[in-house]
C-alpha cells in the first residue's frame, strides 16, 4: 500500500485525539466551513468535533471501521487540525504512530512503487 492512500484504511487519528479549533472555522461564523451541528463548545473561543472530547474519542465525521476502510463525511470541510495532521512516514509524526499503535496497526513505511 502506498502512503498516499494509507489514511483510507486507517482512521486511527480520528479516534484517538480531541479535534479542537477556532470557532470561526464553523458555519456559524461568516467565513466558516465546518458544519456547526457536528461541533460542541470546548472553550470560549474553541470548538471541538463531537465525539472527540471524551475518554475514548471518535470523531462524529469518521465513517467506517478503523484499520479496514474509513472516510471523513466532511472531508472537504474538515477543520484545520485535520488538514494539518500529516501521515507518518518513517516516524515523522509520532502522533500518527501512537494512534496507529493504539489500534494494533503497524508504523507506516513507504513502499517503492514499480513503474
PDB file of N, CA and C in Angstrom:
ATOM      1  N   UNK A   1       0.838  -1.171   0.000  1.00  0.00           N
ATOM      2  CA  UNK A   1       0.000   0.000   0.000  1.00  0.00           C
ATOM      3  C   UNK A   1       0.885   1.238   0.000  1.00  0.00           C
ATOM      4  N   UNK A   2       0.543   2.220  -0.792  1.00  0.00           N
ATOM      5  CA  UNK A   2       1.321   3.449  -0.802  1.00  0.00           C
ATOM      6  C   UNK A   2       0.858   4.335   0.349  1.00  0.00           C
ATOM      7  N   UNK A   3       1.712   5.256   0.763  1.00  0.00           N
ATOM      8  CA  UNK A   3       1.338   6.171   1.830  1.00  0.00           C
ATOM      9  C   UNK A   3       0.189   7.068   1.398  1.00  0.00           C
ATOM     10  N   UNK A   4       0.053   7.313   0.114  1.00  0.00           N
ATOM     11  CA  UNK A   4      -0.974   8.213  -0.387  1.00  0.00           C
ATOM     12  C   UNK A   4      -2.375   7.769   0.002  1.00  0.00           C
ATOM     13  N   UNK A   5      -2.620   6.476   0.087  1.00  0.00           N
ATOM     14  CA  UNK A   5      -3.961   6.018   0.439  1.00  0.00           C
ATOM     15  C   UNK A   5      -4.028   5.310   1.790  1.00  0.00           C
ATOM     16  N   UNK A   6      -2.981   5.360   2.567  1.00  0.00           N
ATOM     17  CA  UNK A   6      -2.964   4.690   3.867  1.00  0.00           C
ATOM     18  C   UNK A   6      -4.041   5.230   4.807  1.00  0.00           C
ATOM     19  N   UNK A   7      -4.362   6.493   4.730  1.00  0.00           N
ATOM     20  CA  UNK A   7      -5.381   7.071   5.608  1.00  0.00           C
ATOM     21  C   UNK A   7      -6.763   6.472   5.336  1.00  0.00           C
ATOM     22  N   UNK A   8      -7.000   6.014   4.127  1.00  0.00           N
ATOM     23  CA  UNK A   8      -8.299   5.451   3.770  1.00  0.00           C
ATOM     24  C   UNK A   8      -8.538   4.080   4.395  1.00  0.00           C
ATOM     25  N   UNK A   9      -7.485   3.483   4.933  1.00  0.00           N
ATOM     26  CA  UNK A   9      -7.644   2.211   5.622  1.00  0.00           C
ATOM     27  C   UNK A   9      -7.317   2.341   7.111  1.00  0.00           C
ATOM     28  N   UNK A  10      -7.017   3.529   7.574  1.00  0.00           N
ATOM     29  CA  UNK A  10      -6.592   3.707   8.961  1.00  0.00           C
ATOM     30  C   UNK A  10      -7.689   4.353   9.805  1.00  0.00           C
ATOM     31  N   UNK A  11      -7.701   5.674   9.898  1.00  0.00           N
ATOM     32  CA  UNK A  11      -8.682   6.392  10.704  1.00  0.00           C
ATOM     33  C   UNK A  11      -8.349   6.472  12.175  1.00  0.00           C
ATOM     34  N   UNK A  12      -7.197   5.954  12.570  1.00  0.00           N
ATOM     35  CA  UNK A  12      -6.849   5.912  13.993  1.00  0.00           C
ATOM     36  C   UNK A  12      -6.738   7.300  14.620  1.00  0.00           C
ATOM     37  N   UNK A  13      -6.241   8.270  13.892  1.00  0.00           N
ATOM     38  CA  UNK A  13      -6.102   9.613  14.464  1.00  0.00           C
ATOM     39  C   UNK A  13      -7.471  10.198  14.807  1.00  0.00           C
ATOM     40  N   UNK A  14      -8.480   9.888  14.007  1.00  0.00           N
ATOM     41  CA  UNK A  14      -9.839  10.399  14.208  1.00  0.00           C
ATOM     42  C   UNK A  14     -10.511   9.771  15.428  1.00  0.00           C
ATOM     43  N   UNK A  15      -9.922   8.721  15.944  1.00  0.00           N
ATOM     44  CA  UNK A  15     -10.474   8.032  17.108  1.00  0.00           C
ATOM     45  C   UNK A  15      -9.450   7.967  18.238  1.00  0.00           C
ATOM     46  N   UNK A  16      -8.547   8.941  18.258  1.00  0.00           N
ATOM     47  CA  UNK A  16      -7.525   8.971  19.300  1.00  0.00           C
ATOM     48  C   UNK A  16      -7.353  10.333  19.956  1.00  0.00           C
ATOM     49  N   UNK A  17      -7.696  11.400  19.253  1.00  0.00           N
ATOM     50  CA  UNK A  17      -7.393  12.745  19.740  1.00  0.00           C
ATOM     51  C   UNK A  17      -8.593  13.677  19.691  1.00  0.00           C
ATOM     52  N   UNK A  18      -8.569  14.669  20.595  1.00  0.00           N
ATOM     53  CA  UNK A  18      -9.573  15.738  20.535  1.00  0.00           C
ATOM     54  C   UNK A  18      -9.233  16.625  19.353  1.00  0.00           C
ATOM     55  N   UNK A  19     -10.242  16.996  18.594  1.00  0.00           N
ATOM     56  CA  UNK A  19     -10.060  17.885  17.453  1.00  0.00           C
ATOM     57  C   UNK A  19     -10.670  19.224  17.831  1.00  0.00           C
ATOM     58  N   UNK A  20      -9.843  20.137  18.363  1.00  0.00           N
ATOM     59  CA  UNK A  20     -10.325  21.456  18.757  1.00  0.00           C
ATOM     60  C   UNK A  20      -9.771  22.512  17.812  1.00  0.00           C
ATOM     61  N   UNK A  21     -10.568  23.553  17.593  1.00  0.00           N
ATOM     62  CA  UNK A  21     -10.212  24.581  16.614  1.00  0.00           C
ATOM     63  C   UNK A  21     -10.976  25.866  16.904  1.00  0.00           C
ATOM     64  N   UNK A  22     -10.514  26.944  16.321  1.00  0.00           N
ATOM     65  CA  UNK A  22     -11.113  28.263  16.495  1.00  0.00           C
ATOM     66  C   UNK A  22     -12.553  28.265  15.979  1.00  0.00           C
ATOM     67  N   UNK A  23     -13.446  28.850  16.744  1.00  0.00           N
ATOM     68  CA  UNK A  23     -14.872  28.834  16.413  1.00  0.00           C
ATOM     69  C   UNK A  23     -15.179  29.437  15.044  1.00  0.00           C
ATOM     70  N   UNK A  24     -14.331  30.315  14.558  1.00  0.00           N
ATOM     71  CA  UNK A  24     -14.557  30.962  13.264  1.00  0.00           C
ATOM     72  C   UNK A  24     -14.478  30.006  12.078  1.00  0.00           C
ATOM     73  N   UNK A  25     -14.009  28.782  12.300  1.00  0.00           N
ATOM     74  CA  UNK A  25     -13.972  27.799  11.219  1.00  0.00           C
ATOM     75  C   UNK A  25     -15.336  27.142  10.999  1.00  0.00           C
ATOM     76  N   UNK A  26     -16.240  27.273  11.962  1.00  0.00           N
ATOM     77  CA  UNK A  26     -17.553  26.626  11.867  1.00  0.00           C
ATOM     78  C   UNK A  26     -18.534  27.479  11.066  1.00  0.00           C
ATOM     79  N   UNK A  27     -19.546  26.826  10.531  1.00  0.00           N
ATOM     80  CA  UNK A  27     -20.519  27.514   9.675  1.00  0.00           C
ATOM     81  C   UNK A  27     -21.320  28.580  10.402  1.00  0.00           C
ATOM     82  N   UNK A  28     -21.276  28.611  11.723  1.00  0.00           N
ATOM     83  CA  UNK A  28     -21.923  29.679  12.471  1.00  0.00           C
ATOM     84  C   UNK A  28     -21.228  31.014  12.303  1.00  0.00           C
ATOM     85  N   UNK A  29     -20.026  31.009  11.780  1.00  0.00           N
ATOM     86  CA  UNK A  29     -19.254  32.230  11.519  1.00  0.00           C
ATOM     87  C   UNK A  29     -19.382  32.582  10.033  1.00  0.00           C
ATOM     88  N   UNK A  30     -19.239  33.856   9.698  1.00  0.00           N
ATOM     89  CA  UNK A  30     -19.414  34.280   8.296  1.00  0.00           C
ATOM     90  C   UNK A  30     -18.571  33.515   7.272  1.00  0.00           C
ATOM     91  N   UNK A  31     -17.333  33.216   7.573  1.00  0.00           N
ATOM     92  CA  UNK A  31     -16.465  32.517   6.617  1.00  0.00           C
ATOM     93  C   UNK A  31     -16.255  31.052   6.987  1.00  0.00           C
ATOM     94  N   UNK A  32     -17.058  30.533   7.906  1.00  0.00           N
ATOM     95  CA  UNK A  32     -16.884  29.169   8.405  1.00  0.00           C
ATOM     96  C   UNK A  32     -17.264  28.095   7.393  1.00  0.00           C
ATOM     97  N   UNK A  33     -16.679  26.937   7.559  1.00  0.00           N
ATOM     98  CA  UNK A  33     -16.914  25.828   6.627  1.00  0.00           C
ATOM     99  C   UNK A  33     -17.150  24.489   7.334  1.00  0.00           C
ATOM    100  N   UNK A  34     -16.772  24.347   8.595  1.00  0.00           N
ATOM    101  CA  UNK A  34     -17.012  23.108   9.342  1.00  0.00           C
ATOM    102  C   UNK A  34     -18.473  23.127   9.810  1.00  0.00           C
ATOM    103  N   UNK A  35     -19.260  22.102   9.507  1.00  0.00           N
ATOM    104  CA  UNK A  35     -20.669  22.102   9.917  1.00  0.00           C
ATOM    105  C   UNK A  35     -20.826  22.267  11.432  1.00  0.00           C
ATOM    106  N   UNK A  36     -21.426  23.376  11.842  1.00  0.00           N
ATOM    107  CA  UNK A  36     -21.608  23.676  13.270  1.00  0.00           C
ATOM    108  C   UNK A  36     -22.349  22.581  14.012  1.00  0.00           C
ATOM    109  N   UNK A  37     -23.277  21.903  13.339  1.00  0.00           N
ATOM    110  CA  UNK A  37     -24.072  20.863  14.000  1.00  0.00           C
ATOM    111  C   UNK A  37     -23.237  19.642  14.390  1.00  0.00           C
ATOM    112  N   UNK A  38     -22.006  19.564  13.902  1.00  0.00           N
ATOM    113  CA  UNK A  38     -21.116  18.452  14.258  1.00  0.00           C
ATOM    114  C   UNK A  38     -20.069  18.863  15.282  1.00  0.00           C
ATOM    115  N   UNK A  39     -20.217  20.057  15.845  1.00  0.00           N
ATOM    116  CA  UNK A  39     -19.236  20.568  16.813  1.00  0.00           C
ATOM    117  C   UNK A  39     -19.887  20.772  18.174  1.00  0.00           C
ATOM    118  N   UNK A  40     -19.045  20.964  19.175  1.00  0.00           N
ATOM    119  CA  UNK A  40     -19.508  21.344  20.500  1.00  0.00           C
ATOM    120  C   UNK A  40     -18.526  22.344  21.080  1.00  0.00           C
ATOM    121  N   UNK A  41     -18.989  23.123  22.037  1.00  0.00           N
ATOM    122  CA  UNK A  41     -18.142  24.130  22.663  1.00  0.00           C
ATOM    123  C   UNK A  41     -17.094  23.447  23.533  1.00  0.00           C
ATOM    124  N   UNK A  42     -15.862  23.939  23.445  1.00  0.00           N
ATOM    125  CA  UNK A  42     -14.776  23.389  24.243  1.00  0.00           C
ATOM    126  C   UNK A  42     -14.210  24.449  25.184  1.00  0.00           C
ATOM    127  N   UNK A  43     -14.157  25.654  24.730  1.00  0.00           N
ATOM    128  CA  UNK A  43     -13.541  26.784  25.425  1.00  0.00           C
ATOM    129  C   UNK A  43     -14.233  28.019  24.842  1.00  0.00           C
ATOM    130  N   UNK A  44     -14.211  29.167  25.510  1.00  0.00           N
ATOM    131  CA  UNK A  44     -14.914  30.329  24.951  1.00  0.00           C
ATOM    132  C   UNK A  44     -14.592  30.651  23.478  1.00  0.00           C
ATOM    133  N   UNK A  45     -13.397  30.343  23.029  1.00  0.00           N
ATOM    134  CA  UNK A  45     -13.037  30.658  21.644  1.00  0.00           C
ATOM    135  C   UNK A  45     -12.767  29.412  20.808  1.00  0.00           C
ATOM    136  N   UNK A  46     -12.972  28.235  21.400  1.00  0.00           N
ATOM    137  CA  UNK A  46     -12.685  26.992  20.685  1.00  0.00           C
ATOM    138  C   UNK A  46     -13.898  26.067  20.641  1.00  0.00           C
ATOM    139  N   UNK A  47     -14.023  25.393  19.541  1.00  0.00           N
ATOM    140  CA  UNK A  47     -14.987  24.311  19.387  1.00  0.00           C
ATOM    141  C   UNK A  47     -14.202  23.025  19.259  1.00  0.00           C
ATOM    142  N   UNK A  48     -14.875  21.904  19.347  1.00  0.00           N
ATOM    143  CA  UNK A  48     -14.240  20.629  19.018  1.00  0.00           C
ATOM    144  C   UNK A  48     -15.268  19.794  18.266  1.00  0.00           C
ATOM    145  N   UNK A  49     -14.762  18.848  17.521  1.00  0.00           N
ATOM    146  CA  UNK A  49     -15.655  17.950  16.803  1.00  0.00           C
ATOM    147  C   UNK A  49     -16.353  17.061  17.825  1.00  0.00           C
ATOM    148  N   UNK A  50     -17.653  16.871  17.659  1.00  0.00           N
ATOM    149  CA  UNK A  50     -18.401  15.999  18.558  1.00  0.00           C
ATOM    150  C   UNK A  50     -17.758  14.614  18.572  1.00  0.00           C
ATOM    151  N   UNK A  51     -17.703  14.057  19.748  1.00  0.00           N
ATOM    152  CA  UNK A  51     -17.150  12.721  19.919  1.00  0.00           C
ATOM    153  C   UNK A  51     -15.671  12.694  20.230  1.00  0.00           C
ATOM    154  N   UNK A  52     -14.981  13.822  20.057  1.00  0.00           N
ATOM    155  CA  UNK A  52     -13.532  13.802  20.269  1.00  0.00           C
ATOM    156  C   UNK A  52     -13.109  14.270  21.660  1.00  0.00           C
ATOM    157  N   UNK A  53     -14.009  14.870  22.422  1.00  0.00           N
ATOM    158  CA  UNK A  53     -13.655  15.367  23.750  1.00  0.00           C
ATOM    159  C   UNK A  53     -14.180  14.405  24.824  1.00  0.00           C
ATOM    160  N   UNK A  54     -13.787  13.157  24.719  1.00  0.00           N
ATOM    161  CA  UNK A  54     -14.187  12.156  25.694  1.00  0.00           C
ATOM    162  C   UNK A  54     -13.058  11.163  25.918  1.00  0.00           C
ATOM    163  N   UNK A  55     -13.209  10.324  26.903  1.00  0.00           N
ATOM    164  CA  UNK A  55     -12.143   9.382  27.264  1.00  0.00           C
ATOM    165  C   UNK A  55     -11.753   8.486  26.085  1.00  0.00           C
ATOM    166  N   UNK A  56     -12.718   7.989  25.363  1.00  0.00           N
ATOM    167  CA  UNK A  56     -12.474   7.163  24.179  1.00  0.00           C
ATOM    168  C   UNK A  56     -12.991   7.928  22.962  1.00  0.00           C
ATOM    169  N   UNK A  57     -12.177   8.845  22.439  1.00  0.00           N
ATOM    170  CA  UNK A  57     -12.654   9.712  21.354  1.00  0.00           C
ATOM    171  C   UNK A  57     -12.912   8.974  20.043  1.00  0.00           C
ATOM    172  N   UNK A  58     -13.883   9.471  19.326  1.00  0.00           N
ATOM    173  CA  UNK A  58     -14.135   9.050  17.946  1.00  0.00           C
ATOM    174  C   UNK A  58     -14.926  10.181  17.314  1.00  0.00           C
ATOM    175  N   UNK A  59     -14.351  10.784  16.304  1.00  0.00           N
ATOM    176  CA  UNK A  59     -14.981  11.916  15.640  1.00  0.00           C
ATOM    177  C   UNK A  59     -16.301  11.494  15.005  1.00  0.00           C
ATOM    178  N   UNK A  60     -17.300  12.322  15.170  1.00  0.00           N
ATOM    179  CA  UNK A  60     -18.618  12.068  14.614  1.00  0.00           C
ATOM    180  C   UNK A  60     -18.574  11.976  13.084  1.00  0.00           C
ATOM    181  N   UNK A  61     -17.601  12.604  12.459  1.00  0.00           N
ATOM    182  CA  UNK A  61     -17.498  12.596  10.993  1.00  0.00           C
ATOM    183  C   UNK A  61     -16.772  11.361  10.447  1.00  0.00           C
ATOM    184  N   UNK A  62     -16.174  10.558  11.317  1.00  0.00           N
ATOM    185  CA  UNK A  62     -15.464   9.364  10.869  1.00  0.00           C
ATOM    186  C   UNK A  62     -16.461   8.266  10.534  1.00  0.00           C
ATOM    187  N   UNK A  63     -16.355   7.751   9.323  1.00  0.00           N
ATOM    188  CA  UNK A  63     -17.218   6.654   8.880  1.00  0.00           C
ATOM    189  C   UNK A  63     -16.358   5.436   8.585  1.00  0.00           C
ATOM    190  N   UNK A  64     -16.873   4.266   8.886  1.00  0.00           N
ATOM    191  CA  UNK A  64     -16.171   3.032   8.581  1.00  0.00           C
ATOM    192  C   UNK A  64     -15.502   2.415   9.783  1.00  0.00           C
ATOM    193  N   UNK A  65     -14.704   1.400   9.499  1.00  0.00           N
ATOM    194  CA  UNK A  65     -14.030   0.633  10.535  1.00  0.00           C
ATOM    195  C   UNK A  65     -12.534   0.930  10.530  1.00  0.00           C
ATOM    196  N   UNK A  66     -12.027   1.350  11.685  1.00  0.00           N
ATOM    197  CA  UNK A  66     -10.615   1.692  11.826  1.00  0.00           C
ATOM    198  C   UNK A  66      -9.756   0.494  11.447  1.00  0.00           C
ATOM    199  N   UNK A  67      -8.750   0.754  10.625  1.00  0.00           N
ATOM    200  CA  UNK A  67      -7.836  -0.291  10.195  1.00  0.00           C
ATOM    201  C   UNK A  67      -8.332  -1.081   9.001  1.00  0.00           C
ATOM    202  N   UNK A  68      -9.549  -0.814   8.559  1.00  0.00           N
ATOM    203  CA  UNK A  68     -10.122  -1.532   7.428  1.00  0.00           C
ATOM    204  C   UNK A  68     -10.393  -0.584   6.258  1.00  0.00           C
ATOM    205  N   UNK A  69     -11.456   0.199   6.408  1.00  0.00           N
ATOM    206  CA  UNK A  69     -11.822   1.182   5.384  1.00  0.00           C
ATOM    207  C   UNK A  69     -12.553   2.308   6.088  1.00  0.00           C
ATOM    208  N   UNK A  70     -12.052   3.527   5.923  1.00  0.00           N
ATOM    209  CA  UNK A  70     -12.639   4.692   6.583  1.00  0.00           C
ATOM    210  C   UNK A  70     -12.734   5.864   5.624  1.00  0.00           C
ATOM    211  N   UNK A  71     -13.552   6.822   6.022  1.00  0.00           N
ATOM    212  CA  UNK A  71     -13.637   8.082   5.293  1.00  0.00           C
ATOM    213  C   UNK A  71     -14.146   9.151   6.249  1.00  0.00           C
ATOM    214  N   UNK A  72     -13.988  10.386   5.849  1.00  0.00           N
ATOM    215  CA  UNK A  72     -14.464  11.523   6.623  1.00  0.00           C
ATOM    216  C   UNK A  72     -15.690  12.073   5.892  1.00  0.00           C
ATOM    217  N   UNK A  73     -16.813  12.135   6.590  1.00  0.00           N
ATOM    218  CA  UNK A  73     -18.044  12.598   5.957  1.00  0.00           C
ATOM    219  C   UNK A  73     -18.010  14.083   5.622  1.00  0.00           C
ATOM    220  N   UNK A  74     -17.049  14.819   6.177  1.00  0.00           N
ATOM    221  CA  UNK A  74     -16.934  16.255   5.880  1.00  0.00           C
ATOM    222  C   UNK A  74     -15.532  16.601   5.373  1.00  0.00           C
ATOM    223  N   UNK A  75     -14.901  15.682   4.684  1.00  0.00           N
ATOM    224  CA  UNK A  75     -13.506  15.854   4.280  1.00  0.00           C
ATOM    225  C   UNK A  75     -13.213  17.227   3.674  1.00  0.00           C
ATOM    226  N   UNK A  76     -14.016  17.678   2.739  1.00  0.00           N
ATOM    227  CA  UNK A  76     -13.773  18.982   2.098  1.00  0.00           C
ATOM    228  C   UNK A  76     -13.964  20.142   3.071  1.00  0.00           C
ATOM    229  N   UNK A  77     -14.683  19.900   4.161  1.00  0.00           N
ATOM    230  CA  UNK A  77     -14.976  20.951   5.138  1.00  0.00           C
ATOM    231  C   UNK A  77     -14.416  20.636   6.517  1.00  0.00           C
ATOM    232  N   UNK A  78     -13.388  19.799   6.569  1.00  0.00           N
ATOM    233  CA  UNK A  78     -12.797  19.415   7.857  1.00  0.00           C
ATOM    234  C   UNK A  78     -12.045  20.601   8.466  1.00  0.00           C
ATOM    235  N   UNK A  79     -11.915  20.623   9.800  1.00  0.00           N
ATOM    236  CA  UNK A  79     -11.228  21.733  10.469  1.00  0.00           C
ATOM    237  C   UNK A  79      -9.710  21.705  10.270  1.00  0.00           C
ATOM    238  N   UNK A  80      -9.088  22.815  10.612  1.00  0.00           N
ATOM    239  CA  UNK A  80      -7.645  22.971  10.400  1.00  0.00           C
ATOM    240  C   UNK A  80      -6.783  21.896  11.064  1.00  0.00           C
ATOM    241  N   UNK A  81      -7.077  21.430  12.296  1.00  0.00           N
ATOM    242  CA  UNK A  81      -6.206  20.387  12.860  1.00  0.00           C
ATOM    243  C   UNK A  81      -6.178  19.134  11.985  1.00  0.00           C
ATOM    244  N   UNK A  82      -7.293  18.816  11.365  1.00  0.00           N
ATOM    245  CA  UNK A  82      -7.345  17.642  10.491  1.00  0.00           C
ATOM    246  C   UNK A  82      -6.579  17.897   9.199  1.00  0.00           C
ATOM    247  N   UNK A  83      -6.677  19.105   8.685  1.00  0.00           N
ATOM    248  CA  UNK A  83      -5.944  19.461   7.465  1.00  0.00           C
ATOM    249  C   UNK A  83      -4.435  19.444   7.703  1.00  0.00           C
ATOM    250  N   UNK A  84      -4.032  19.814   8.920  1.00  0.00           N
ATOM    251  CA  UNK A  84      -2.607  19.926   9.240  1.00  0.00           C
ATOM    252  C   UNK A  84      -1.987  18.628   9.741  1.00  0.00           C
ATOM    253  N   UNK A  85      -2.799  17.669  10.115  1.00  0.00           N
ATOM    254  CA  UNK A  85      -2.286  16.410  10.647  1.00  0.00           C
ATOM    255  C   UNK A  85      -1.691  15.613   9.487  1.00  0.00           C
ATOM    256  N   UNK A  86      -0.413  15.297   9.600  1.00  0.00           N
ATOM    257  CA  UNK A  86       0.258  14.604   8.490  1.00  0.00           C
ATOM    258  C   UNK A  86       0.423  13.117   8.791  1.00  0.00           C
ATOM    259  N   UNK A  87       0.425  12.357   7.745  1.00  0.00           N
ATOM    260  CA  UNK A  87       0.666  10.925   7.838  1.00  0.00           C
ATOM    261  C   UNK A  87       2.135  10.734   8.244  1.00  0.00           C
ATOM    262  N   UNK A  88       2.380   9.750   9.052  1.00  0.00           N
ATOM    263  CA  UNK A  88       3.750   9.494   9.499  1.00  0.00           C
ATOM    264  C   UNK A  88       4.497   8.668   8.461  1.00  0.00           C
ATOM    265  N   UNK A  89       5.632   9.160   8.092  1.00  0.00           N
ATOM    266  CA  UNK A  89       6.494   8.437   7.154  1.00  0.00           C
ATOM    267  C   UNK A  89       7.800   8.153   7.870  1.00  0.00           C
ATOM    268  N   UNK A  90       8.038   6.897   8.176  1.00  0.00           N
ATOM    269  CA  UNK A  90       9.242   6.505   8.922  1.00  0.00           C
ATOM    270  C   UNK A  90       9.366   7.254  10.246  1.00  0.00           C
ATOM    271  N   UNK A  91       8.244   7.403  10.955  1.00  0.00           N
ATOM    272  CA  UNK A  91       8.268   8.039  12.268  1.00  0.00           C
ATOM    273  C   UNK A  91       8.232   9.547  12.263  1.00  0.00           C
ATOM    274  N   UNK A  92       7.903  10.172  11.150  1.00  0.00           N
ATOM    275  CA  UNK A  92       7.913  11.630  11.060  1.00  0.00           C
ATOM    276  C   UNK A  92       6.796  12.298  11.866  1.00  0.00           C
ATOM    277  N   UNK A  93       5.748  11.567  12.203  1.00  0.00           N
ATOM    278  CA  UNK A  93       4.675  12.113  13.032  1.00  0.00           C
ATOM    279  C   UNK A  93       4.375  11.111  14.152  1.00  0.00           C
ATOM    280  N   UNK A  94       4.959  11.334  15.321  1.00  0.00           N
ATOM    281  CA  UNK A  94       4.761  10.392  16.421  1.00  0.00           C
ATOM    282  C   UNK A  94       3.309  10.263  16.862  1.00  0.00           C
ATOM    283  N   UNK A  95       2.492  11.283  16.622  1.00  0.00           N
ATOM    284  CA  UNK A  95       1.077  11.205  16.984  1.00  0.00           C
ATOM    285  C   UNK A  95       0.331  10.229  16.074  1.00  0.00           C
ATOM    286  N   UNK A  96       0.680  10.205  14.815  1.00  0.00           N
ATOM    287  CA  UNK A  96       0.122   9.227  13.881  1.00  0.00           C
ATOM    288  C   UNK A  96       0.556   7.828  14.311  1.00  0.00           C
ATOM    289  N   UNK A  97       1.829   7.679  14.585  1.00  0.00           N
ATOM    290  CA  UNK A  97       2.348   6.373  15.005  1.00  0.00           C
ATOM    291  C   UNK A  97       1.667   5.881  16.281  1.00  0.00           C
ATOM    292  N   UNK A  98       1.479   6.786  17.256  1.00  0.00           N
ATOM    293  CA  UNK A  98       0.854   6.425  18.523  1.00  0.00           C
ATOM    294  C   UNK A  98      -0.605   6.009  18.312  1.00  0.00           C
ATOM    295  N   UNK A  99      -1.327   6.744  17.478  1.00  0.00           N
ATOM    296  CA  UNK A  99      -2.728   6.417  17.200  1.00  0.00           C
ATOM    297  C   UNK A  99      -2.831   5.062  16.507  1.00  0.00           C
ATOM    298  N   UNK A 100      -1.958   4.822  15.545  1.00  0.00           N
ATOM    299  CA  UNK A 100      -1.969   3.538  14.835  1.00  0.00           C
ATOM    300  C   UNK A 100      -1.673   2.389  15.799  1.00  0.00           C
ATOM    301  N   UNK A 101      -0.700   2.582  16.680  1.00  0.00           N
ATOM    302  CA  UNK A 101      -0.342   1.543  17.645  1.00  0.00           C
ATOM    303  C   UNK A 101      -1.510   1.241  18.589  1.00  0.00           C
ATOM    304  N   UNK A 102      -2.259   2.258  18.959  1.00  0.00           N
ATOM    305  CA  UNK A 102      -3.422   2.097  19.837  1.00  0.00           C
ATOM    306  C   UNK A 102      -4.410   1.087  19.251  1.00  0.00           C
ATOM    307  N   UNK A 103      -4.496   1.039  17.938  1.00  0.00           N
ATOM    308  CA  UNK A 103      -5.426   0.137  17.252  1.00  0.00           C
ATOM    309  C   UNK A 103      -4.727  -1.080  16.645  1.00  0.00           C
ATOM    310  N   UNK A 104      -3.483  -1.318  17.064  1.00  0.00           N
ATOM    311  CA  UNK A 104      -2.765  -2.501  16.611  1.00  0.00           C
ATOM    312  C   UNK A 104      -2.294  -2.419  15.169  1.00  0.00           C
ATOM    313  N   UNK A 105      -2.180  -1.208  14.649  1.00  0.00           N
ATOM    314  CA  UNK A 105      -1.722  -1.012  13.270  1.00  0.00           C
ATOM    315  C   UNK A 105      -0.230  -0.708  13.284  1.00  0.00           C
ATOM    316  N   UNK A 106       0.483  -1.225  12.323  1.00  0.00           N
ATOM    317  CA  UNK A 106       1.928  -1.027  12.272  1.00  0.00           C
ATOM    318  C   UNK A 106       2.282   0.387  11.800  1.00  0.00           C
ATOM    319  N   UNK A 107       3.521   0.754  12.092  1.00  0.00           N
ATOM    320  CA  UNK A 107       4.046   2.038  11.641  1.00  0.00           C
ATOM    321  C   UNK A 107       4.117   2.023  10.115  1.00  0.00           C
ATOM    322  N   UNK A 108       3.889   3.158   9.500  1.00  0.00           N
ATOM    323  CA  UNK A 108       3.904   3.248   8.046  1.00  0.00           C
ATOM    324  C   UNK A 108       5.323   3.390   7.507  1.00  0.00           C
ATOM    325  N   UNK A 109       5.639   2.599   6.518  1.00  0.00           N
ATOM    326  CA  UNK A 109       6.938   2.642   5.863  1.00  0.00           C
ATOM    327  C   UNK A 109       6.661   2.766   4.376  1.00  0.00           C
ATOM    328  N   UNK A 110       7.228   3.766   3.712  1.00  0.00           N
ATOM    329  CA  UNK A 110       6.972   3.932   2.281  1.00  0.00           C
ATOM    330  C   UNK A 110       7.402   2.714   1.468  1.00  0.00           C
ATOM    331  N   UNK A 111       6.581   2.407   0.505  1.00  0.00           N
ATOM    332  CA  UNK A 111       6.885   1.299  -0.404  1.00  0.00           C
ATOM    333  C   UNK A 111       7.247   1.884  -1.751  1.00  0.00           C
ATOM    334  N   UNK A 112       8.356   1.467  -2.282  1.00  0.00           N
ATOM    335  CA  UNK A 112       8.794   1.925  -3.612  1.00  0.00           C
ATOM    336  C   UNK A 112       7.864   1.310  -4.644  1.00  0.00           C
ATOM    337  N   UNK A 113       7.144   2.148  -5.361  1.00  0.00           N
ATOM    338  CA  UNK A 113       6.234   1.643  -6.392  1.00  0.00           C
ATOM    339  C   UNK A 113       6.996   1.394  -7.696  1.00  0.00           C
ATOM    340  N   UNK A 114       6.724   0.288  -8.316  1.00  0.00           N
ATOM    341  CA  UNK A 114       7.385  -0.095  -9.560  1.00  0.00           C
ATOM    342  C   UNK A 114       6.569   0.462 -10.708  1.00  0.00           C
ATOM    343  N   UNK A 115       7.276   1.101 -11.627  1.00  0.00           N
ATOM    344  CA  UNK A 115       6.597   1.703 -12.785  1.00  0.00           C
ATOM    345  C   UNK A 115       6.321   0.695 -13.866  1.00  0.00           C
TER     346      UNK A 115
END
